[in-house]
C-alpha cells in the first residue's frame, strides 16, 4: 500500500466514523446494525498496511497499533482505533507538507 492510497483510505474511514452520530451510544445499547457497522469499521482498519515510505517514521508504531487493535475484533477498542487514526492523520498532514 503506497502512502497516497493509505492516506485516502484513512481519510475515508475517518469521514465515515465522524459522520456516524451513534458512535457514542453505550456499548450495551447498540442495535444490530450498529454492531455490524462497528465490526465493519474494525475489519477495514485491520486490512491497512504501513506504507513503505512511512516505515522509518514515528507513525509506523501508531499504524501498527491501529492494525493490531482492529484485528482483535473487540468493538470496545473502536474508540482507541479512532484516536490512533487521528494521530496518523495529523502525522500525514505534516508528512505531505514536507514532501
PDB file of N, CA and C in Angstrom:
ATOM      1  N   UNK A   1       0.862  -1.169   0.000  1.00  0.00           N
ATOM      2  CA  UNK A   1       0.000   0.000   0.000  1.00  0.00           C
ATOM      3  C   UNK A   1       0.906   1.229   0.000  1.00  0.00           C
ATOM      4  N   UNK A   2       0.721   2.104  -0.988  1.00  0.00           N
ATOM      5  CA  UNK A   2       1.546   3.304  -1.010  1.00  0.00           C
ATOM      6  C   UNK A   2       0.932   4.380  -0.111  1.00  0.00           C
ATOM      7  N   UNK A   3       1.689   5.432   0.116  1.00  0.00           N
ATOM      8  CA  UNK A   3       1.262   6.466   1.057  1.00  0.00           C
ATOM      9  C   UNK A   3      -0.018   7.153   0.617  1.00  0.00           C
ATOM     10  N   UNK A   4      -0.150   7.431  -0.682  1.00  0.00           N
ATOM     11  CA  UNK A   4      -1.353   8.106  -1.170  1.00  0.00           C
ATOM     12  C   UNK A   4      -2.592   7.235  -0.963  1.00  0.00           C
ATOM     13  N   UNK A   5      -2.488   5.963  -1.309  1.00  0.00           N
ATOM     14  CA  UNK A   5      -3.615   5.047  -1.127  1.00  0.00           C
ATOM     15  C   UNK A   5      -3.970   4.920   0.358  1.00  0.00           C
ATOM     16  N   UNK A   6      -2.948   4.789   1.197  1.00  0.00           N
ATOM     17  CA  UNK A   6      -3.178   4.694   2.634  1.00  0.00           C
ATOM     18  C   UNK A   6      -3.883   5.952   3.149  1.00  0.00           C
ATOM     19  N   UNK A   7      -3.388   7.115   2.726  1.00  0.00           N
ATOM     20  CA  UNK A   7      -3.970   8.390   3.163  1.00  0.00           C
ATOM     21  C   UNK A   7      -5.427   8.495   2.747  1.00  0.00           C
ATOM     22  N   UNK A   8      -5.725   8.151   1.503  1.00  0.00           N
ATOM     23  CA  UNK A   8      -7.108   8.210   1.011  1.00  0.00           C
ATOM     24  C   UNK A   8      -8.009   7.254   1.792  1.00  0.00           C
ATOM     25  N   UNK A   9      -7.536   6.052   2.025  1.00  0.00           N
ATOM     26  CA  UNK A   9      -8.325   5.067   2.779  1.00  0.00           C
ATOM     27  C   UNK A   9      -8.561   5.532   4.213  1.00  0.00           C
ATOM     28  N   UNK A  10      -7.519   6.061   4.838  1.00  0.00           N
ATOM     29  CA  UNK A  10      -7.649   6.539   6.218  1.00  0.00           C
ATOM     30  C   UNK A  10      -8.618   7.725   6.288  1.00  0.00           C
ATOM     31  N   UNK A  11      -8.499   8.653   5.339  1.00  0.00           N
ATOM     32  CA  UNK A  11      -9.395   9.816   5.330  1.00  0.00           C
ATOM     33  C   UNK A  11     -10.849   9.386   5.149  1.00  0.00           C
ATOM     34  N   UNK A  12     -11.082   8.451   4.255  1.00  0.00           N
ATOM     35  CA  UNK A  12     -12.443   7.946   4.040  1.00  0.00           C
ATOM     36  C   UNK A  12     -12.963   7.288   5.307  1.00  0.00           C
ATOM     37  N   UNK A  13     -12.131   6.478   5.951  1.00  0.00           N
ATOM     38  CA  UNK A  13     -12.527   5.812   7.194  1.00  0.00           C
ATOM     39  C   UNK A  13     -12.893   6.844   8.255  1.00  0.00           C
ATOM     40  N   UNK A  14     -12.057   7.876   8.395  1.00  0.00           N
ATOM     41  CA  UNK A  14     -12.327   8.917   9.389  1.00  0.00           C
ATOM     42  C   UNK A  14     -13.620   9.671   9.087  1.00  0.00           C
ATOM     43  N   UNK A  15     -13.863   9.969   7.817  1.00  0.00           N
ATOM     44  CA  UNK A  15     -15.105  10.658   7.438  1.00  0.00           C
ATOM     45  C   UNK A  15     -16.327   9.819   7.800  1.00  0.00           C
ATOM     46  N   UNK A  16     -16.267   8.544   7.503  1.00  0.00           N
ATOM     47  CA  UNK A  16     -17.385   7.648   7.817  1.00  0.00           C
ATOM     48  C   UNK A  16     -17.589   7.584   9.331  1.00  0.00           C
ATOM     49  N   UNK A  17     -16.500   7.455  10.066  1.00  0.00           N
ATOM     50  CA  UNK A  17     -16.593   7.390  11.534  1.00  0.00           C
ATOM     51  C   UNK A  17     -17.209   8.676  12.083  1.00  0.00           C
ATOM     52  N   UNK A  18     -16.713   9.807  11.606  1.00  0.00           N
ATOM     53  CA  UNK A  18     -17.180  11.102  12.117  1.00  0.00           C
ATOM     54  C   UNK A  18     -18.624  11.394  11.730  1.00  0.00           C
ATOM     55  N   UNK A  19     -19.092  10.819  10.636  1.00  0.00           N
ATOM     56  CA  UNK A  19     -20.475  11.030  10.191  1.00  0.00           C
ATOM     57  C   UNK A  19     -21.483  10.198  10.979  1.00  0.00           C
ATOM     58  N   UNK A  20     -21.013   9.217  11.728  1.00  0.00           N
ATOM     59  CA  UNK A  20     -21.923   8.355  12.480  1.00  0.00           C
ATOM     60  C   UNK A  20     -22.234   8.992  13.830  1.00  0.00           C
ATOM     61  N   UNK A  21     -23.456   9.454  13.987  1.00  0.00           N
ATOM     62  CA  UNK A  21     -23.835  10.123  15.229  1.00  0.00           C
ATOM     63  C   UNK A  21     -24.144   9.148  16.365  1.00  0.00           C
ATOM     64  N   UNK A  22     -24.053   7.862  16.099  1.00  0.00           N
ATOM     65  CA  UNK A  22     -24.374   6.862  17.118  1.00  0.00           C
ATOM     66  C   UNK A  22     -23.128   6.213  17.730  1.00  0.00           C
ATOM     67  N   UNK A  23     -21.968   6.719  17.387  1.00  0.00           N
ATOM     68  CA  UNK A  23     -20.709   6.139  17.868  1.00  0.00           C
ATOM     69  C   UNK A  23     -20.629   6.152  19.390  1.00  0.00           C
ATOM     70  N   UNK A  24     -21.148   7.187  20.013  1.00  0.00           N
ATOM     71  CA  UNK A  24     -21.002   7.329  21.468  1.00  0.00           C
ATOM     72  C   UNK A  24     -22.130   6.705  22.281  1.00  0.00           C
ATOM     73  N   UNK A  25     -23.008   5.966  21.633  1.00  0.00           N
ATOM     74  CA  UNK A  25     -24.058   5.251  22.364  1.00  0.00           C
ATOM     75  C   UNK A  25     -23.375   4.196  23.240  1.00  0.00           C
ATOM     76  N   UNK A  26     -23.839   4.017  24.476  1.00  0.00           N
ATOM     77  CA  UNK A  26     -23.225   2.999  25.346  1.00  0.00           C
ATOM     78  C   UNK A  26     -23.129   1.634  24.651  1.00  0.00           C
ATOM     79  N   UNK A  27     -22.036   0.972  24.905  1.00  0.00           N
ATOM     80  CA  UNK A  27     -21.698  -0.296  24.255  1.00  0.00           C
ATOM     81  C   UNK A  27     -22.852  -1.295  24.270  1.00  0.00           C
ATOM     82  N   UNK A  28     -23.517  -1.454  25.390  1.00  0.00           N
ATOM     83  CA  UNK A  28     -24.578  -2.462  25.519  1.00  0.00           C
ATOM     84  C   UNK A  28     -25.907  -2.034  24.907  1.00  0.00           C
ATOM     85  N   UNK A  29     -26.039  -0.770  24.517  1.00  0.00           N
ATOM     86  CA  UNK A  29     -27.299  -0.266  23.961  1.00  0.00           C
ATOM     87  C   UNK A  29     -27.302  -0.199  22.437  1.00  0.00           C
ATOM     88  N   UNK A  30     -26.317  -0.784  21.796  1.00  0.00           N
ATOM     89  CA  UNK A  30     -26.198  -0.714  20.337  1.00  0.00           C
ATOM     90  C   UNK A  30     -27.179  -1.668  19.666  1.00  0.00           C
ATOM     91  N   UNK A  31     -27.691  -1.227  18.509  1.00  0.00           N
ATOM     92  CA  UNK A  31     -28.565  -2.085  17.716  1.00  0.00           C
ATOM     93  C   UNK A  31     -27.711  -3.052  16.905  1.00  0.00           C
ATOM     94  N   UNK A  32     -28.364  -4.015  16.296  1.00  0.00           N
ATOM     95  CA  UNK A  32     -27.650  -4.990  15.459  1.00  0.00           C
ATOM     96  C   UNK A  32     -26.930  -4.289  14.307  1.00  0.00           C
ATOM     97  N   UNK A  33     -27.571  -3.287  13.705  1.00  0.00           N
ATOM     98  CA  UNK A  33     -26.935  -2.534  12.613  1.00  0.00           C
ATOM     99  C   UNK A  33     -25.691  -1.790  13.098  1.00  0.00           C
ATOM    100  N   UNK A  34     -25.767  -1.220  14.277  1.00  0.00           N
ATOM    101  CA  UNK A  34     -24.613  -0.509  14.826  1.00  0.00           C
ATOM    102  C   UNK A  34     -23.463  -1.469  15.121  1.00  0.00           C
ATOM    103  N   UNK A  35     -23.788  -2.641  15.617  1.00  0.00           N
ATOM    104  CA  UNK A  35     -22.764  -3.654  15.888  1.00  0.00           C
ATOM    105  C   UNK A  35     -22.096  -4.063  14.576  1.00  0.00           C
ATOM    106  N   UNK A  36     -22.887  -4.292  13.527  1.00  0.00           N
ATOM    107  CA  UNK A  36     -22.320  -4.652  12.216  1.00  0.00           C
ATOM    108  C   UNK A  36     -21.426  -3.535  11.690  1.00  0.00           C
ATOM    109  N   UNK A  37     -21.883  -2.283  11.847  1.00  0.00           N
ATOM    110  CA  UNK A  37     -21.104  -1.132  11.387  1.00  0.00           C
ATOM    111  C   UNK A  37     -19.759  -1.096  12.110  1.00  0.00           C
ATOM    112  N   UNK A  38     -19.784  -1.253  13.426  1.00  0.00           N
ATOM    113  CA  UNK A  38     -18.542  -1.229  14.201  1.00  0.00           C
ATOM    114  C   UNK A  38     -17.605  -2.364  13.796  1.00  0.00           C
ATOM    115  N   UNK A  39     -18.148  -3.552  13.613  1.00  0.00           N
ATOM    116  CA  UNK A  39     -17.321  -4.683  13.172  1.00  0.00           C
ATOM    117  C   UNK A  39     -16.723  -4.412  11.799  1.00  0.00           C
ATOM    118  N   UNK A  40     -17.508  -3.819  10.909  1.00  0.00           N
ATOM    119  CA  UNK A  40     -17.012  -3.473   9.576  1.00  0.00           C
ATOM    120  C   UNK A  40     -15.895  -2.441   9.635  1.00  0.00           C
ATOM    121  N   UNK A  41     -16.051  -1.461  10.509  1.00  0.00           N
ATOM    122  CA  UNK A  41     -15.015  -0.434  10.657  1.00  0.00           C
ATOM    123  C   UNK A  41     -13.712  -1.054  11.159  1.00  0.00           C
ATOM    124  N   UNK A  42     -13.814  -2.002  12.072  1.00  0.00           N
ATOM    125  CA  UNK A  42     -12.616  -2.692  12.551  1.00  0.00           C
ATOM    126  C   UNK A  42     -11.980  -3.518  11.439  1.00  0.00           C
ATOM    127  N   UNK A  43     -12.801  -4.192  10.637  1.00  0.00           N
ATOM    128  CA  UNK A  43     -12.267  -5.012   9.536  1.00  0.00           C
ATOM    129  C   UNK A  43     -11.515  -4.149   8.529  1.00  0.00           C
ATOM    130  N   UNK A  44     -12.047  -2.972   8.225  1.00  0.00           N
ATOM    131  CA  UNK A  44     -11.368  -2.081   7.275  1.00  0.00           C
ATOM    132  C   UNK A  44      -9.976  -1.733   7.798  1.00  0.00           C
ATOM    133  N   UNK A  45      -9.892  -1.323   9.052  1.00  0.00           N
ATOM    134  CA  UNK A  45      -8.590  -0.940   9.617  1.00  0.00           C
ATOM    135  C   UNK A  45      -7.636  -2.122   9.721  1.00  0.00           C
ATOM    136  N   UNK A  46      -8.165  -3.301   9.948  1.00  0.00           N
ATOM    137  CA  UNK A  46      -7.288  -4.469  10.063  1.00  0.00           C
ATOM    138  C   UNK A  46      -6.625  -4.804   8.729  1.00  0.00           C
ATOM    139  N   UNK A  47      -7.175  -4.285   7.629  1.00  0.00           N
ATOM    140  CA  UNK A  47      -6.597  -4.527   6.303  1.00  0.00           C
ATOM    141  C   UNK A  47      -5.538  -3.490   5.928  1.00  0.00           C
ATOM    142  N   UNK A  48      -5.402  -2.433   6.721  1.00  0.00           N
ATOM    143  CA  UNK A  48      -4.376  -1.427   6.440  1.00  0.00           C
ATOM    144  C   UNK A  48      -2.992  -2.042   6.566  1.00  0.00           C
ATOM    145  N   UNK A  49      -2.043  -1.479   5.845  1.00  0.00           N
ATOM    146  CA  UNK A  49      -0.635  -1.862   5.934  1.00  0.00           C
ATOM    147  C   UNK A  49       0.180  -0.582   6.058  1.00  0.00           C
ATOM    148  N   UNK A  50       1.322  -0.668   6.715  1.00  0.00           N
ATOM    149  CA  UNK A  50       2.190   0.501   6.853  1.00  0.00           C
ATOM    150  C   UNK A  50       2.798   0.797   5.481  1.00  0.00           C
ATOM    151  N   UNK A  51       2.590   2.012   4.960  1.00  0.00           N
ATOM    152  CA  UNK A  51       3.195   2.361   3.672  1.00  0.00           C
ATOM    153  C   UNK A  51       4.722   2.323   3.775  1.00  0.00           C
ATOM    154  N   UNK A  52       5.356   1.885   2.707  1.00  0.00           N
ATOM    155  CA  UNK A  52       6.812   1.755   2.698  1.00  0.00           C
ATOM    156  C   UNK A  52       7.498   3.069   3.066  1.00  0.00           C
ATOM    157  N   UNK A  53       6.979   4.178   2.564  1.00  0.00           N
ATOM    158  CA  UNK A  53       7.590   5.482   2.832  1.00  0.00           C
ATOM    159  C   UNK A  53       7.492   5.883   4.301  1.00  0.00           C
ATOM    160  N   UNK A  54       6.669   5.186   5.061  1.00  0.00           N
ATOM    161  CA  UNK A  54       6.480   5.535   6.467  1.00  0.00           C
ATOM    162  C   UNK A  54       7.118   4.523   7.416  1.00  0.00           C
ATOM    163  N   UNK A  55       7.830   3.558   6.859  1.00  0.00           N
ATOM    164  CA  UNK A  55       8.444   2.501   7.676  1.00  0.00           C
ATOM    165  C   UNK A  55       9.401   3.048   8.737  1.00  0.00           C
ATOM    166  N   UNK A  56      10.143   4.089   8.407  1.00  0.00           N
ATOM    167  CA  UNK A  56      11.152   4.612   9.334  1.00  0.00           C
ATOM    168  C   UNK A  56      10.682   5.889  10.033  1.00  0.00           C
ATOM    169  N   UNK A  57       9.375   6.043  10.184  1.00  0.00           N
ATOM    170  CA  UNK A  57       8.829   7.243  10.818  1.00  0.00           C
ATOM    171  C   UNK A  57       8.171   6.878  12.147  1.00  0.00           C
ATOM    172  N   UNK A  58       7.938   7.872  12.986  1.00  0.00           N
ATOM    173  CA  UNK A  58       7.234   7.611  14.252  1.00  0.00           C
ATOM    174  C   UNK A  58       5.802   7.108  14.040  1.00  0.00           C
ATOM    175  N   UNK A  59       5.231   7.377  12.879  1.00  0.00           N
ATOM    176  CA  UNK A  59       3.851   6.951  12.607  1.00  0.00           C
ATOM    177  C   UNK A  59       3.738   5.436  12.480  1.00  0.00           C
ATOM    178  N   UNK A  60       4.831   4.764  12.150  1.00  0.00           N
ATOM    179  CA  UNK A  60       4.774   3.314  11.954  1.00  0.00           C
ATOM    180  C   UNK A  60       4.212   2.610  13.186  1.00  0.00           C
ATOM    181  N   UNK A  61       4.679   2.999  14.357  1.00  0.00           N
ATOM    182  CA  UNK A  61       4.221   2.352  15.591  1.00  0.00           C
ATOM    183  C   UNK A  61       2.722   2.583  15.813  1.00  0.00           C
ATOM    184  N   UNK A  62       2.251   3.791  15.521  1.00  0.00           N
ATOM    185  CA  UNK A  62       0.832   4.108  15.707  1.00  0.00           C
ATOM    186  C   UNK A  62      -0.014   3.331  14.701  1.00  0.00           C
ATOM    187  N   UNK A  63       0.449   3.248  13.461  1.00  0.00           N
ATOM    188  CA  UNK A  63      -0.273   2.488  12.435  1.00  0.00           C
ATOM    189  C   UNK A  63      -0.330   1.016  12.826  1.00  0.00           C
ATOM    190  N   UNK A  64       0.799   0.487  13.276  1.00  0.00           N
ATOM    191  CA  UNK A  64       0.854  -0.913  13.695  1.00  0.00           C
ATOM    192  C   UNK A  64      -0.103  -1.172  14.854  1.00  0.00           C
ATOM    193  N   UNK A  65      -0.152  -0.257  15.811  1.00  0.00           N
ATOM    194  CA  UNK A  65      -1.080  -0.390  16.941  1.00  0.00           C
ATOM    195  C   UNK A  65      -2.519  -0.371  16.452  1.00  0.00           C
ATOM    196  N   UNK A  66      -2.833   0.549  15.551  1.00  0.00           N
ATOM    197  CA  UNK A  66      -4.183   0.642  14.980  1.00  0.00           C
ATOM    198  C   UNK A  66      -4.573  -0.684  14.325  1.00  0.00           C
ATOM    199  N   UNK A  67      -3.673  -1.243  13.536  1.00  0.00           N
ATOM    200  CA  UNK A  67      -3.948  -2.502  12.833  1.00  0.00           C
ATOM    201  C   UNK A  67      -4.160  -3.636  13.836  1.00  0.00           C
ATOM    202  N   UNK A  68      -3.264  -3.746  14.812  1.00  0.00           N
ATOM    203  CA  UNK A  68      -3.360  -4.834  15.791  1.00  0.00           C
ATOM    204  C   UNK A  68      -4.634  -4.739  16.625  1.00  0.00           C
ATOM    205  N   UNK A  69      -4.977  -3.544  17.079  1.00  0.00           N
ATOM    206  CA  UNK A  69      -6.211  -3.379  17.854  1.00  0.00           C
ATOM    207  C   UNK A  69      -7.423  -3.745  16.998  1.00  0.00           C
ATOM    208  N   UNK A  70      -7.396  -3.363  15.733  1.00  0.00           N
ATOM    209  CA  UNK A  70      -8.505  -3.674  14.830  1.00  0.00           C
ATOM    210  C   UNK A  70      -8.645  -5.171  14.619  1.00  0.00           C
ATOM    211  N   UNK A  71      -7.532  -5.855  14.519  1.00  0.00           N
ATOM    212  CA  UNK A  71      -7.554  -7.302  14.298  1.00  0.00           C
ATOM    213  C   UNK A  71      -8.140  -8.057  15.484  1.00  0.00           C
ATOM    214  N   UNK A  72      -8.153  -7.428  16.651  1.00  0.00           N
ATOM    215  CA  UNK A  72      -8.709  -8.089  17.834  1.00  0.00           C
ATOM    216  C   UNK A  72     -10.198  -8.364  17.653  1.00  0.00           C
ATOM    217  N   UNK A  73     -10.864  -7.550  16.831  1.00  0.00           N
ATOM    218  CA  UNK A  73     -12.296  -7.715  16.621  1.00  0.00           C
ATOM    219  C   UNK A  73     -13.137  -7.254  17.801  1.00  0.00           C
ATOM    220  N   UNK A  74     -12.500  -6.693  18.803  1.00  0.00           N
ATOM    221  CA  UNK A  74     -13.199  -6.222  20.002  1.00  0.00           C
ATOM    222  C   UNK A  74     -13.740  -4.817  19.750  1.00  0.00           C
ATOM    223  N   UNK A  75     -15.041  -4.705  19.659  1.00  0.00           N
ATOM    224  CA  UNK A  75     -15.660  -3.409  19.364  1.00  0.00           C
ATOM    225  C   UNK A  75     -15.360  -2.362  20.424  1.00  0.00           C
ATOM    226  N   UNK A  76     -14.997  -2.787  21.615  1.00  0.00           N
ATOM    227  CA  UNK A  76     -14.691  -1.836  22.689  1.00  0.00           C
ATOM    228  C   UNK A  76     -13.433  -1.018  22.397  1.00  0.00           C
ATOM    229  N   UNK A  77     -12.589  -1.468  21.471  1.00  0.00           N
ATOM    230  CA  UNK A  77     -11.369  -0.724  21.145  1.00  0.00           C
ATOM    231  C   UNK A  77     -11.570   0.243  19.979  1.00  0.00           C
ATOM    232  N   UNK A  78     -12.772   0.319  19.436  1.00  0.00           N
ATOM    233  CA  UNK A  78     -13.009   1.182  18.275  1.00  0.00           C
ATOM    234  C   UNK A  78     -12.653   2.639  18.579  1.00  0.00           C
ATOM    235  N   UNK A  79     -12.947   3.113  19.777  1.00  0.00           N
ATOM    236  CA  UNK A  79     -12.579   4.480  20.154  1.00  0.00           C
ATOM    237  C   UNK A  79     -11.074   4.688  20.135  1.00  0.00           C
ATOM    238  N   UNK A  80     -10.328   3.703  20.616  1.00  0.00           N
ATOM    239  CA  UNK A  80      -8.865   3.775  20.586  1.00  0.00           C
ATOM    240  C   UNK A  80      -8.353   3.742  19.152  1.00  0.00           C
ATOM    241  N   UNK A  81      -8.984   2.936  18.318  1.00  0.00           N
ATOM    242  CA  UNK A  81      -8.607   2.869  16.906  1.00  0.00           C
ATOM    243  C   UNK A  81      -8.814   4.246  16.272  1.00  0.00           C
ATOM    244  N   UNK A  82      -9.939   4.875  16.592  1.00  0.00           N
ATOM    245  CA  UNK A  82     -10.219   6.214  16.073  1.00  0.00           C
ATOM    246  C   UNK A  82      -9.152   7.209  16.548  1.00  0.00           C
ATOM    247  N   UNK A  83      -8.790   7.159  17.814  1.00  0.00           N
ATOM    248  CA  UNK A  83      -7.761   8.063  18.339  1.00  0.00           C
ATOM    249  C   UNK A  83      -6.434   7.857  17.615  1.00  0.00           C
ATOM    250  N   UNK A  84      -6.073   6.608  17.365  1.00  0.00           N
ATOM    251  CA  UNK A  84      -4.846   6.325  16.612  1.00  0.00           C
ATOM    252  C   UNK A  84      -4.957   6.857  15.191  1.00  0.00           C
ATOM    253  N   UNK A  85      -6.122   6.695  14.575  1.00  0.00           N
ATOM    254  CA  UNK A  85      -6.327   7.198  13.214  1.00  0.00           C
ATOM    255  C   UNK A  85      -6.168   8.717  13.176  1.00  0.00           C
ATOM    256  N   UNK A  86      -6.650   9.398  14.204  1.00  0.00           N
ATOM    257  CA  UNK A  86      -6.500  10.856  14.274  1.00  0.00           C
ATOM    258  C   UNK A  86      -5.031  11.255  14.406  1.00  0.00           C
ATOM    259  N   UNK A  87      -4.270  10.505  15.198  1.00  0.00           N
ATOM    260  CA  UNK A  87      -2.832  10.777  15.322  1.00  0.00           C
ATOM    261  C   UNK A  87      -2.131  10.592  13.981  1.00  0.00           C
ATOM    262  N   UNK A  88      -2.497   9.542  13.272  1.00  0.00           N
ATOM    263  CA  UNK A  88      -1.900   9.278  11.960  1.00  0.00           C
ATOM    264  C   UNK A  88      -2.287  10.390  10.991  1.00  0.00           C
ATOM    265  N   UNK A  89      -3.537  10.828  11.048  1.00  0.00           N
ATOM    266  CA  UNK A  89      -3.999  11.921  10.186  1.00  0.00           C
ATOM    267  C   UNK A  89      -3.140  13.170  10.408  1.00  0.00           C
ATOM    268  N   UNK A  90      -2.880  13.510  11.656  1.00  0.00           N
ATOM    269  CA  UNK A  90      -2.039  14.673  11.966  1.00  0.00           C
ATOM    270  C   UNK A  90      -0.631  14.478  11.414  1.00  0.00           C
ATOM    271  N   UNK A  91      -0.096  13.279  11.586  1.00  0.00           N
ATOM    272  CA  UNK A  91       1.236  12.992  11.069  1.00  0.00           C
ATOM    273  C   UNK A  91       1.262  13.128   9.547  1.00  0.00           C
ATOM    274  N   UNK A  92       0.243  12.584   8.885  1.00  0.00           N
ATOM    275  CA  UNK A  92       0.195  12.631   7.423  1.00  0.00           C
ATOM    276  C   UNK A  92       0.120  14.059   6.905  1.00  0.00           C
ATOM    277  N   UNK A  93      -0.586  14.914   7.589  1.00  0.00           N
ATOM    278  CA  UNK A  93      -0.659  16.318   7.166  1.00  0.00           C
ATOM    279  C   UNK A  93       0.726  16.945   7.190  1.00  0.00           C
ATOM    280  N   UNK A  94       1.510  16.642   8.204  1.00  0.00           N
ATOM    281  CA  UNK A  94       2.878  17.134   8.265  1.00  0.00           C
ATOM    282  C   UNK A  94       3.775  16.449   7.254  1.00  0.00           C
ATOM    283  N   UNK A  95       3.556  15.160   7.045  1.00  0.00           N
ATOM    284  CA  UNK A  95       4.345  14.369   6.095  1.00  0.00           C
ATOM    285  C   UNK A  95       4.148  14.889   4.679  1.00  0.00           C
ATOM    286  N   UNK A  96       2.883  15.178   4.317  1.00  0.00           N
ATOM    287  CA  UNK A  96       2.574  15.656   2.970  1.00  0.00           C
ATOM    288  C   UNK A  96       3.124  17.056   2.740  1.00  0.00           C
ATOM    289  N   UNK A  97       3.112  17.902   3.753  1.00  0.00           N
ATOM    290  CA  UNK A  97       3.609  19.265   3.574  1.00  0.00           C
ATOM    291  C   UNK A  97       5.134  19.291   3.456  1.00  0.00           C
ATOM    292  N   UNK A  98       5.793  18.229   3.929  1.00  0.00           N
ATOM    293  CA  UNK A  98       7.248  18.137   3.818  1.00  0.00           C
ATOM    294  C   UNK A  98       7.695  17.431   2.545  1.00  0.00           C
ATOM    295  N   UNK A  99       6.756  16.838   1.817  1.00  0.00           N
ATOM    296  CA  UNK A  99       7.123  16.092   0.599  1.00  0.00           C
ATOM    297  C   UNK A  99       7.304  17.015  -0.579  1.00  0.00           C
TER     298      UNK A  99
END
